[in-house]
């Protein structure tokens, strides 16, 4: 399956995620859903935040120009919230999945979908 297929089918296609992107750990957007842009600055902050979450915990995380309050951050994942909307970021061996969900979608459902795809990608070497 192509990277775009993972975004369209395994993330947004589940109905549990509104928008999503897959970015490379070394930079660059591999795939994204329509209307969801992760700027180079946002990409860099996300990847760096997985190594050292301190700046994201202090100032929040940005994706698609939207600021999310960082709820939790660790070397594998970052969770953010903006009103009733949220963001789930999960790192694999070579990529980072970035998924946004909008109310009335539920955080737990969105996180399960993103974490599940990340686990699969890790299991196949990505």
Protein backbone atom coordinates (compact mmCIF):
# COMPACT_ATOMS: atom_id res chain seq x y z
CA UNK A 1 0.00 0.00 0.00
CA UNK A 2 1.20 3.51 -0.73
CA UNK A 3 1.74 6.09 2.01
CA UNK A 4 -1.25 7.97 0.68
CA UNK A 5 -3.29 4.78 0.98
CA UNK A 6 -2.41 4.54 4.67
CA UNK A 7 -3.64 8.11 5.20
CA UNK A 8 -6.81 7.69 3.14
CA UNK A 9 -7.78 4.17 4.24
CA UNK A 10 -6.17 3.37 7.59
CA UNK A 11 -6.47 6.79 9.19
CA UNK A 12 -9.11 9.12 7.70
CA UNK A 13 -11.04 6.22 6.13
CA UNK A 14 -11.80 4.76 9.56
CA UNK A 15 -14.08 7.67 10.38
CA UNK A 16 -12.22 8.11 13.69
CA UNK A 17 -9.74 10.70 12.37
CA UNK A 18 -10.64 13.92 10.49
CA UNK A 19 -7.31 14.69 8.82
CA UNK A 20 -3.89 13.06 8.79
CA UNK A 21 -0.37 13.13 7.42
CA UNK A 22 2.68 10.90 7.45
CA UNK A 23 6.00 12.71 7.69
CA UNK A 24 9.51 11.32 7.56
CA UNK A 25 11.71 11.39 10.65
CA UNK A 26 14.39 12.96 8.46
CA UNK A 27 11.95 15.51 7.05
CA UNK A 28 9.41 15.75 4.29
CA UNK A 29 5.73 14.95 4.00
CA UNK A 30 5.18 11.43 2.64
CA UNK A 31 1.37 11.69 2.42
CA UNK A 32 -1.42 13.95 3.63
CA UNK A 33 -5.17 14.27 3.49
CA UNK A 34 -6.73 17.14 1.58
CA UNK A 35 -6.52 20.45 3.41
CA UNK A 36 -4.06 19.23 6.03
CA UNK A 37 -0.68 20.89 5.69
CA UNK A 38 2.21 20.31 8.05
CA UNK A 39 4.69 23.14 7.45
CA UNK A 40 8.45 22.47 7.56
CA UNK A 41 8.60 24.33 10.89
CA UNK A 42 5.77 22.22 12.31
CA UNK A 43 7.45 19.03 11.05
CA UNK A 44 10.72 19.99 12.70
CA UNK A 45 9.04 20.88 16.01
CA UNK A 46 7.10 17.60 16.04
CA UNK A 47 10.16 15.44 15.36
CA UNK A 48 12.28 17.35 17.89
CA UNK A 49 9.42 17.18 20.40
CA UNK A 50 9.51 13.39 20.32
CA UNK A 51 13.15 13.53 21.47
CA UNK A 52 12.67 16.40 23.95
CA UNK A 53 9.04 17.28 24.72
CA UNK A 54 9.90 20.22 27.00
CA UNK A 55 9.28 22.96 24.37
CA UNK A 56 5.97 21.37 23.31
CA UNK A 57 4.84 21.09 26.91
CA UNK A 58 5.61 24.76 27.43
CA UNK A 59 4.19 26.25 24.23
CA UNK A 60 1.94 23.59 22.68
CA UNK A 61 2.14 21.70 19.42
CA UNK A 62 1.16 23.05 16.02
CA UNK A 63 -0.23 21.17 13.04
CA UNK A 64 -1.95 22.65 9.99
CA UNK A 65 -1.43 26.09 11.54
CA UNK A 66 -3.55 25.17 14.57
CA UNK A 67 -2.22 25.23 18.13
CA UNK A 68 -2.93 22.31 20.43
CA UNK A 69 -2.28 22.22 24.17
CA UNK A 70 0.13 19.35 24.80
CA UNK A 71 -1.56 16.87 27.13
CA UNK A 72 1.08 14.16 27.06
CA UNK A 73 4.42 13.72 25.31
CA UNK A 74 6.93 10.89 25.37
CA UNK A 75 9.49 9.45 22.92
CA UNK A 76 6.78 7.51 21.05
CA UNK A 77 3.74 9.80 21.04
CA UNK A 78 2.35 13.27 21.62
CA UNK A 79 -1.28 14.04 22.40
CA UNK A 80 -2.77 17.50 22.10
CA UNK A 81 -6.11 19.23 22.53
CA UNK A 82 -7.71 22.40 21.17
CA UNK A 83 -11.22 22.88 22.51
CA UNK A 84 -13.17 19.78 21.48
CA UNK A 85 -10.61 18.86 18.83
CA UNK A 86 -7.40 16.94 19.27
CA UNK A 87 -4.14 15.74 17.78
CA UNK A 88 -2.40 12.39 18.01
CA UNK A 89 1.23 12.07 16.89
CA UNK A 90 2.96 8.68 16.91
CA UNK A 91 6.53 7.84 15.87
CA UNK A 92 7.55 4.69 14.03
CA UNK A 93 11.07 3.61 13.04
CA UNK A 94 11.17 5.90 10.00
CA UNK A 95 8.06 8.07 10.06
CA UNK A 96 5.69 10.08 12.21
CA UNK A 97 1.91 9.75 11.95
CA UNK A 98 0.09 13.03 12.60
CA UNK A 99 -3.68 12.78 12.93
CA UNK A 100 -6.27 15.38 13.88
CA UNK A 101 -9.78 14.65 15.03
CA UNK A 102 -12.63 17.10 15.35
CA UNK A 103 -15.59 17.02 17.69
CA UNK A 104 -17.71 14.85 17.95
CA UNK A 105 -14.96 12.29 17.21
CA UNK A 106 -13.53 10.79 20.39
CA UNK A 107 -9.88 10.99 21.49
CA UNK A 108 -9.68 7.35 22.55
CA UNK A 109 -11.02 6.11 19.20
CA UNK A 110 -8.66 8.33 17.21
CA UNK A 111 -5.64 7.41 19.34
CA UNK A 112 -6.38 3.69 19.00
CA UNK A 113 -6.47 3.96 15.20
CA UNK A 114 -3.21 5.94 14.99
CA UNK A 115 -1.37 3.79 17.54
CA UNK A 116 -2.58 0.64 15.76
CA UNK A 117 -1.25 1.78 12.38
CA UNK A 118 2.04 2.80 14.00
CA UNK A 119 2.38 -0.64 15.57
CA UNK A 120 1.75 -2.25 12.18
CA UNK A 121 4.30 -0.03 10.40
CA UNK A 122 6.90 -0.80 13.07
CA UNK A 123 6.22 -4.53 12.68
CA UNK A 124 7.03 -4.32 8.95
CA UNK A 125 10.18 -2.25 9.45
CA UNK A 126 8.89 1.27 9.02
